[in-house]
Structures are given as structure tokens and as C-alpha cells.
Amino acid sequence: QVQLVESGGGLVQAGGSLRLSCAASRSIFSFNVMGWYRQAPGKQRELVATISSGGSPNYADSVKGRFTISRDIAKNTVSLQMNVLKPEDTAVYYCNAHDWLRGYWGQGTQVTVSS
């Protein structure tokens, strides 16, 4: 059973920064892609950023230039550095991973940006 454990959420003022981390219970090379999604109250879950097994990042237009996804292979972690945060970034952020068989989700971590 794969486990993805997120950390790093919290409350921050607009313009501030947070760093989210996702620790996987097995080698991140075993996944085709890993990434971050978010879900705000009353809205559908949406893609924030992904990183492929080859290390290629992909970002939602709304976070380009502000968020950076990265990975630490030795620690089996994927991180999301979030800068210049806006109130509309407020959501529960979920770590996601896909292998050849299925997708996996973390439990989510709350990010709240105050104006």
C-alpha cells in the first residue's frame, strides 16, 4: 500500500510563501508522475503542478512564475515552493502519484492565505 504524507501547510498573509512536502513510502522513480492538486470550498479539485519521472515540470497557468515543484530522490519527497501567495490560493492541497496501475492520494494539507 502506497502512502503519501503531506506537510507544510498553514496560514500566511498575501504575498508570503509556504513550502509543501510530500513523502512517499516507496521510491518516487516507481511513479510515472507526481504532483500537487488543490480543492477550494465549493470547487472541483484542480491540478497545480506535476513532475514526471524524467523530472519535467508542468504548471497550471494560475501558478506559473509563483510556484515551483521539485523532488528529492534520496528522500523520496516531492515539494511545492509557493511564493507570492494570493487569497485565491486558499485550498486543501493534495499530493498525487501515478504508476502504471493506478493513482494515489495523500490526506491533504490546508493552505490559507489571508488578505
N, C-alpha and C. Protein backbone atom coordinates (compact mmCIF):
# COMPACT_ATOMS: atom_id res chain seq x y z
N GLN A 1 0.83 -1.18 0.00
CA GLN A 1 0.00 0.00 0.00
C GLN A 1 0.88 1.25 0.00
N VAL A 2 0.70 2.09 -1.00
CA VAL A 2 1.49 3.32 -1.09
C VAL A 2 0.91 4.37 -0.16
N GLN A 3 1.78 5.04 0.54
CA GLN A 3 1.36 6.16 1.38
C GLN A 3 2.05 7.44 0.92
N LEU A 4 1.27 8.50 0.86
CA LEU A 4 1.78 9.83 0.55
C LEU A 4 1.41 10.73 1.73
N VAL A 5 2.41 11.32 2.36
CA VAL A 5 2.17 12.13 3.55
C VAL A 5 2.61 13.57 3.29
N GLU A 6 1.63 14.48 3.32
CA GLU A 6 1.92 15.88 3.07
C GLU A 6 2.26 16.61 4.38
N SER A 7 3.01 17.66 4.24
CA SER A 7 3.30 18.54 5.38
C SER A 7 3.59 19.93 4.85
N GLY A 8 3.52 20.91 5.75
CA GLY A 8 3.94 22.26 5.40
C GLY A 8 2.83 23.27 5.19
N GLY A 9 1.58 22.86 5.27
CA GLY A 9 0.50 23.82 5.11
C GLY A 9 0.42 24.76 6.29
N GLY A 10 -0.44 25.76 6.17
CA GLY A 10 -0.63 26.70 7.26
C GLY A 10 -1.30 27.97 6.82
N LEU A 11 -1.21 28.97 7.69
CA LEU A 11 -1.81 30.28 7.44
C LEU A 11 -0.70 31.28 7.11
N VAL A 12 -0.91 32.04 6.05
CA VAL A 12 0.09 33.02 5.63
C VAL A 12 -0.62 34.24 5.06
N GLN A 13 0.01 35.38 5.17
CA GLN A 13 -0.56 36.59 4.59
C GLN A 13 -0.31 36.64 3.09
N ALA A 14 -1.15 37.35 2.40
CA ALA A 14 -0.96 37.53 0.96
C ALA A 14 0.43 38.10 0.68
N GLY A 15 1.07 37.54 -0.35
CA GLY A 15 2.43 37.93 -0.69
C GLY A 15 3.49 37.07 -0.03
N GLY A 16 3.07 36.24 0.91
CA GLY A 16 4.01 35.39 1.62
C GLY A 16 4.30 34.10 0.89
N SER A 17 5.04 33.23 1.56
CA SER A 17 5.49 31.97 0.96
C SER A 17 5.23 30.80 1.91
N LEU A 18 5.02 29.64 1.30
CA LEU A 18 4.94 28.38 2.03
C LEU A 18 5.61 27.31 1.19
N ARG A 19 6.07 26.28 1.86
CA ARG A 19 6.65 25.14 1.16
C ARG A 19 5.95 23.87 1.62
N LEU A 20 5.37 23.16 0.68
CA LEU A 20 4.71 21.89 0.96
C LEU A 20 5.64 20.74 0.59
N SER A 21 5.58 19.68 1.37
CA SER A 21 6.36 18.49 1.06
C SER A 21 5.46 17.26 1.07
N CYS A 22 5.81 16.31 0.24
CA CYS A 22 5.07 15.04 0.15
C CYS A 22 6.08 13.91 0.23
N ALA A 23 5.97 13.11 1.26
CA ALA A 23 6.88 11.98 1.44
C ALA A 23 6.18 10.71 0.99
N ALA A 24 6.82 9.98 0.07
CA ALA A 24 6.26 8.74 -0.45
C ALA A 24 6.86 7.54 0.28
N SER A 25 6.06 6.48 0.38
CA SER A 25 6.50 5.30 1.11
C SER A 25 7.35 4.35 0.26
N ARG A 26 7.56 4.71 -1.00
CA ARG A 26 8.46 3.94 -1.84
C ARG A 26 9.17 4.88 -2.79
N SER A 27 10.11 4.39 -3.56
CA SER A 27 10.91 5.22 -4.45
C SER A 27 10.03 6.01 -5.41
N ILE A 28 10.30 7.30 -5.51
CA ILE A 28 9.49 8.12 -6.42
C ILE A 28 9.78 7.79 -7.88
N PHE A 29 10.84 7.05 -8.15
CA PHE A 29 11.11 6.58 -9.52
C PHE A 29 10.09 5.53 -9.96
N SER A 30 9.37 4.95 -9.00
CA SER A 30 8.38 3.93 -9.34
C SER A 30 7.09 4.55 -9.88
N PHE A 31 7.00 5.88 -9.81
CA PHE A 31 5.81 6.57 -10.31
C PHE A 31 6.10 7.23 -11.65
N ASN A 32 5.11 7.23 -12.54
CA ASN A 32 5.26 7.90 -13.83
C ASN A 32 5.23 9.41 -13.66
N VAL A 33 4.41 9.85 -12.74
CA VAL A 33 4.27 11.28 -12.49
C VAL A 33 3.82 11.49 -11.05
N MET A 34 4.27 12.57 -10.47
CA MET A 34 3.81 13.00 -9.14
C MET A 34 3.42 14.46 -9.24
N GLY A 35 2.57 14.88 -8.33
CA GLY A 35 2.16 16.27 -8.42
C GLY A 35 1.32 16.72 -7.25
N TRP A 36 0.85 17.95 -7.40
CA TRP A 36 0.01 18.59 -6.40
C TRP A 36 -1.29 19.06 -7.05
N TYR A 37 -2.36 18.82 -6.35
CA TYR A 37 -3.68 19.31 -6.72
C TYR A 37 -4.23 20.10 -5.54
N ARG A 38 -5.25 20.88 -5.80
CA ARG A 38 -5.87 21.61 -4.71
C ARG A 38 -7.37 21.67 -4.90
N GLN A 39 -8.07 21.83 -3.78
CA GLN A 39 -9.52 21.93 -3.83
C GLN A 39 -9.97 23.00 -2.84
N ALA A 40 -10.57 24.03 -3.38
CA ALA A 40 -11.13 25.10 -2.57
C ALA A 40 -12.58 24.77 -2.23
N PRO A 41 -13.12 25.35 -1.17
CA PRO A 41 -14.51 25.06 -0.79
C PRO A 41 -15.48 25.35 -1.93
N GLY A 42 -16.33 24.38 -2.23
CA GLY A 42 -17.33 24.56 -3.27
C GLY A 42 -16.80 24.43 -4.68
N LYS A 43 -15.54 24.08 -4.84
CA LYS A 43 -14.95 23.97 -6.17
C LYS A 43 -14.41 22.57 -6.41
N GLN A 44 -14.18 22.26 -7.68
CA GLN A 44 -13.61 20.96 -8.03
C GLN A 44 -12.11 20.95 -7.76
N ARG A 45 -11.60 19.76 -7.55
CA ARG A 45 -10.17 19.61 -7.39
C ARG A 45 -9.47 19.95 -8.71
N GLU A 46 -8.39 20.71 -8.63
CA GLU A 46 -7.70 21.13 -9.83
C GLU A 46 -6.20 20.88 -9.73
N LEU A 47 -5.60 20.70 -10.89
CA LEU A 47 -4.16 20.48 -10.95
C LEU A 47 -3.43 21.77 -10.63
N VAL A 48 -2.36 21.64 -9.84
CA VAL A 48 -1.49 22.78 -9.54
C VAL A 48 -0.17 22.63 -10.29
N ALA A 49 0.49 21.50 -10.07
CA ALA A 49 1.78 21.25 -10.70
C ALA A 49 2.08 19.76 -10.69
N THR A 50 2.79 19.30 -11.70
CA THR A 50 3.23 17.92 -11.75
C THR A 50 4.70 17.86 -12.15
N ILE A 51 5.31 16.73 -11.84
CA ILE A 51 6.68 16.49 -12.27
C ILE A 51 6.77 15.04 -12.73
N SER A 52 7.31 14.83 -13.92
CA SER A 52 7.37 13.49 -14.50
C SER A 52 8.54 12.71 -13.90
N SER A 53 8.58 11.43 -14.21
CA SER A 53 9.69 10.60 -13.74
C SER A 53 11.02 11.09 -14.30
N GLY A 54 10.94 11.76 -15.46
CA GLY A 54 12.15 12.33 -16.05
C GLY A 54 12.53 13.69 -15.50
N GLY A 55 11.67 14.22 -14.62
CA GLY A 55 11.98 15.50 -13.99
C GLY A 55 11.36 16.71 -14.65
N SER A 56 10.51 16.52 -15.66
CA SER A 56 9.90 17.65 -16.36
C SER A 56 8.71 18.19 -15.56
N PRO A 57 8.71 19.49 -15.27
CA PRO A 57 7.59 20.07 -14.53
C PRO A 57 6.49 20.58 -15.45
N ASN A 58 5.31 20.68 -14.86
CA ASN A 58 4.17 21.23 -15.57
C ASN A 58 3.34 22.00 -14.55
N TYR A 59 2.87 23.19 -14.95
CA TYR A 59 2.16 24.06 -14.02
C TYR A 59 0.82 24.53 -14.57
N ALA A 60 -0.11 24.73 -13.67
CA ALA A 60 -1.34 25.41 -14.05
C ALA A 60 -1.00 26.87 -14.35
N ASP A 61 -1.72 27.46 -15.27
CA ASP A 61 -1.45 28.85 -15.64
C ASP A 61 -1.54 29.79 -14.43
N SER A 62 -2.43 29.48 -13.53
CA SER A 62 -2.67 30.36 -12.38
C SER A 62 -1.49 30.43 -11.41
N VAL A 63 -0.56 29.47 -11.50
CA VAL A 63 0.56 29.46 -10.55
C VAL A 63 1.91 29.61 -11.23
N LYS A 64 1.92 29.67 -12.54
CA LYS A 64 3.20 29.81 -13.27
C LYS A 64 3.93 31.06 -12.82
N GLY A 65 5.22 30.90 -12.57
CA GLY A 65 6.03 32.02 -12.13
C GLY A 65 6.01 32.25 -10.63
N ARG A 66 5.08 31.60 -9.94
CA ARG A 66 4.99 31.78 -8.49
C ARG A 66 5.31 30.49 -7.73
N PHE A 67 4.92 29.35 -8.29
CA PHE A 67 5.13 28.06 -7.64
C PHE A 67 6.21 27.28 -8.37
N THR A 68 6.96 26.48 -7.60
CA THR A 68 7.99 25.62 -8.18
C THR A 68 7.88 24.23 -7.57
N ILE A 69 7.77 23.23 -8.44
CA ILE A 69 7.74 21.85 -7.97
C ILE A 69 9.13 21.26 -8.11
N SER A 70 9.53 20.46 -7.14
CA SER A 70 10.85 19.84 -7.17
C SER A 70 10.78 18.49 -6.47
N ARG A 71 11.85 17.74 -6.59
CA ARG A 71 11.86 16.43 -5.95
C ARG A 71 13.23 16.16 -5.35
N ASP A 72 13.24 15.36 -4.30
CA ASP A 72 14.47 14.89 -3.66
C ASP A 72 14.43 13.37 -3.75
N ILE A 73 15.19 12.83 -4.68
CA ILE A 73 15.15 11.40 -4.95
C ILE A 73 15.62 10.60 -3.75
N ALA A 74 16.65 11.09 -3.08
CA ALA A 74 17.21 10.36 -1.94
C ALA A 74 16.20 10.25 -0.80
N LYS A 75 15.35 11.28 -0.65
CA LYS A 75 14.39 11.29 0.44
C LYS A 75 12.99 10.86 0.00
N ASN A 76 12.84 10.53 -1.29
CA ASN A 76 11.53 10.13 -1.82
C ASN A 76 10.46 11.19 -1.53
N THR A 77 10.82 12.43 -1.75
CA THR A 77 9.88 13.51 -1.50
C THR A 77 9.71 14.40 -2.73
N VAL A 78 8.54 14.97 -2.85
CA VAL A 78 8.24 15.98 -3.85
C VAL A 78 7.76 17.22 -3.10
N SER A 79 8.27 18.36 -3.47
CA SER A 79 7.95 19.59 -2.75
C SER A 79 7.32 20.61 -3.69
N LEU A 80 6.60 21.53 -3.08
CA LEU A 80 5.99 22.63 -3.83
C LEU A 80 6.32 23.92 -3.10
N GLN A 81 7.18 24.72 -3.69
CA GLN A 81 7.51 26.02 -3.14
C GLN A 81 6.51 27.03 -3.69
N MET A 82 5.81 27.68 -2.80
CA MET A 82 4.75 28.61 -3.21
C MET A 82 5.13 30.02 -2.76
N ASN A 83 5.33 30.90 -3.71
CA ASN A 83 5.70 32.29 -3.43
C ASN A 83 4.61 33.23 -3.91
N VAL A 84 4.64 34.44 -3.41
CA VAL A 84 3.67 35.48 -3.78
C VAL A 84 2.26 34.91 -3.69
N LEU A 85 1.95 34.33 -2.55
CA LEU A 85 0.65 33.69 -2.38
C LEU A 85 -0.47 34.71 -2.40
N LYS A 86 -1.60 34.28 -2.94
CA LYS A 86 -2.79 35.12 -3.07
C LYS A 86 -3.94 34.48 -2.30
N PRO A 87 -4.92 35.25 -1.88
CA PRO A 87 -6.08 34.67 -1.20
C PRO A 87 -6.75 33.56 -2.02
N GLU A 88 -6.74 33.69 -3.33
CA GLU A 88 -7.36 32.66 -4.16
C GLU A 88 -6.56 31.35 -4.21
N ASP A 89 -5.39 31.33 -3.61
CA ASP A 89 -4.63 30.08 -3.47
C ASP A 89 -5.11 29.25 -2.27
N THR A 90 -5.99 29.82 -1.48
CA THR A 90 -6.52 29.11 -0.32
C THR A 90 -7.25 27.85 -0.74
N ALA A 91 -6.84 26.72 -0.19
CA ALA A 91 -7.42 25.42 -0.57
C ALA A 91 -6.76 24.33 0.27
N VAL A 92 -7.32 23.14 0.16
CA VAL A 92 -6.63 21.95 0.65
C VAL A 92 -5.77 21.43 -0.50
N TYR A 93 -4.51 21.24 -0.22
CA TYR A 93 -3.55 20.79 -1.23
C TYR A 93 -3.28 19.30 -1.04
N TYR A 94 -3.39 18.56 -2.13
CA TYR A 94 -3.22 17.11 -2.10
C TYR A 94 -2.03 16.69 -2.95
N CYS A 95 -1.25 15.78 -2.40
CA CYS A 95 -0.19 15.15 -3.17
C CYS A 95 -0.78 13.99 -3.96
N ASN A 96 -0.29 13.80 -5.17
CA ASN A 96 -0.79 12.73 -6.04
C ASN A 96 0.38 12.03 -6.71
N ALA A 97 0.21 10.74 -6.93
CA ALA A 97 1.22 9.96 -7.64
C ALA A 97 0.52 8.91 -8.49
N HIS A 98 1.09 8.67 -9.67
CA HIS A 98 0.54 7.66 -10.57
C HIS A 98 1.63 6.69 -10.96
N ASP A 99 1.31 5.38 -10.88
CA ASP A 99 2.18 4.40 -11.51
C ASP A 99 1.41 3.76 -12.66
N TRP A 100 1.90 2.64 -13.17
CA TRP A 100 1.26 2.05 -14.35
C TRP A 100 -0.12 1.48 -14.04
N LEU A 101 -0.41 1.28 -12.75
CA LEU A 101 -1.66 0.62 -12.39
C LEU A 101 -2.74 1.59 -11.93
N ARG A 102 -2.36 2.60 -11.14
CA ARG A 102 -3.39 3.44 -10.51
C ARG A 102 -2.78 4.72 -9.96
N GLY A 103 -3.67 5.57 -9.47
CA GLY A 103 -3.25 6.79 -8.82
C GLY A 103 -3.40 6.68 -7.31
N TYR A 104 -2.63 7.52 -6.61
CA TYR A 104 -2.64 7.53 -5.16
C TYR A 104 -2.77 8.97 -4.68
N TRP A 105 -3.40 9.15 -3.51
CA TRP A 105 -3.61 10.49 -2.96
C TRP A 105 -3.14 10.54 -1.52
N GLY A 106 -2.63 11.69 -1.15
CA GLY A 106 -2.36 11.95 0.25
C GLY A 106 -3.62 12.43 0.94
N GLN A 107 -3.49 12.73 2.23
CA GLN A 107 -4.66 13.11 3.02
C GLN A 107 -4.99 14.59 2.88
N GLY A 108 -4.07 15.36 2.35
CA GLY A 108 -4.31 16.79 2.14
C GLY A 108 -3.76 17.64 3.26
N THR A 109 -3.39 18.86 2.91
CA THR A 109 -2.92 19.83 3.89
C THR A 109 -3.52 21.19 3.56
N GLN A 110 -4.00 21.87 4.58
CA GLN A 110 -4.71 23.13 4.37
C GLN A 110 -3.73 24.28 4.20
N VAL A 111 -3.98 25.08 3.18
CA VAL A 111 -3.25 26.33 2.96
C VAL A 111 -4.27 27.46 2.97
N THR A 112 -4.06 28.41 3.86
CA THR A 112 -4.96 29.57 3.97
C THR A 112 -4.15 30.84 3.80
N VAL A 113 -4.57 31.66 2.84
CA VAL A 113 -3.89 32.92 2.56
C VAL A 113 -4.83 34.06 2.91
N SER A 114 -4.43 34.86 3.87
CA SER A 114 -5.28 35.98 4.31
C SER A 114 -4.93 37.25 3.53
N SER A 115 -5.95 38.06 3.32
CA SER A 115 -5.74 39.29 2.53
C SER A 115 -5.37 40.46 3.42
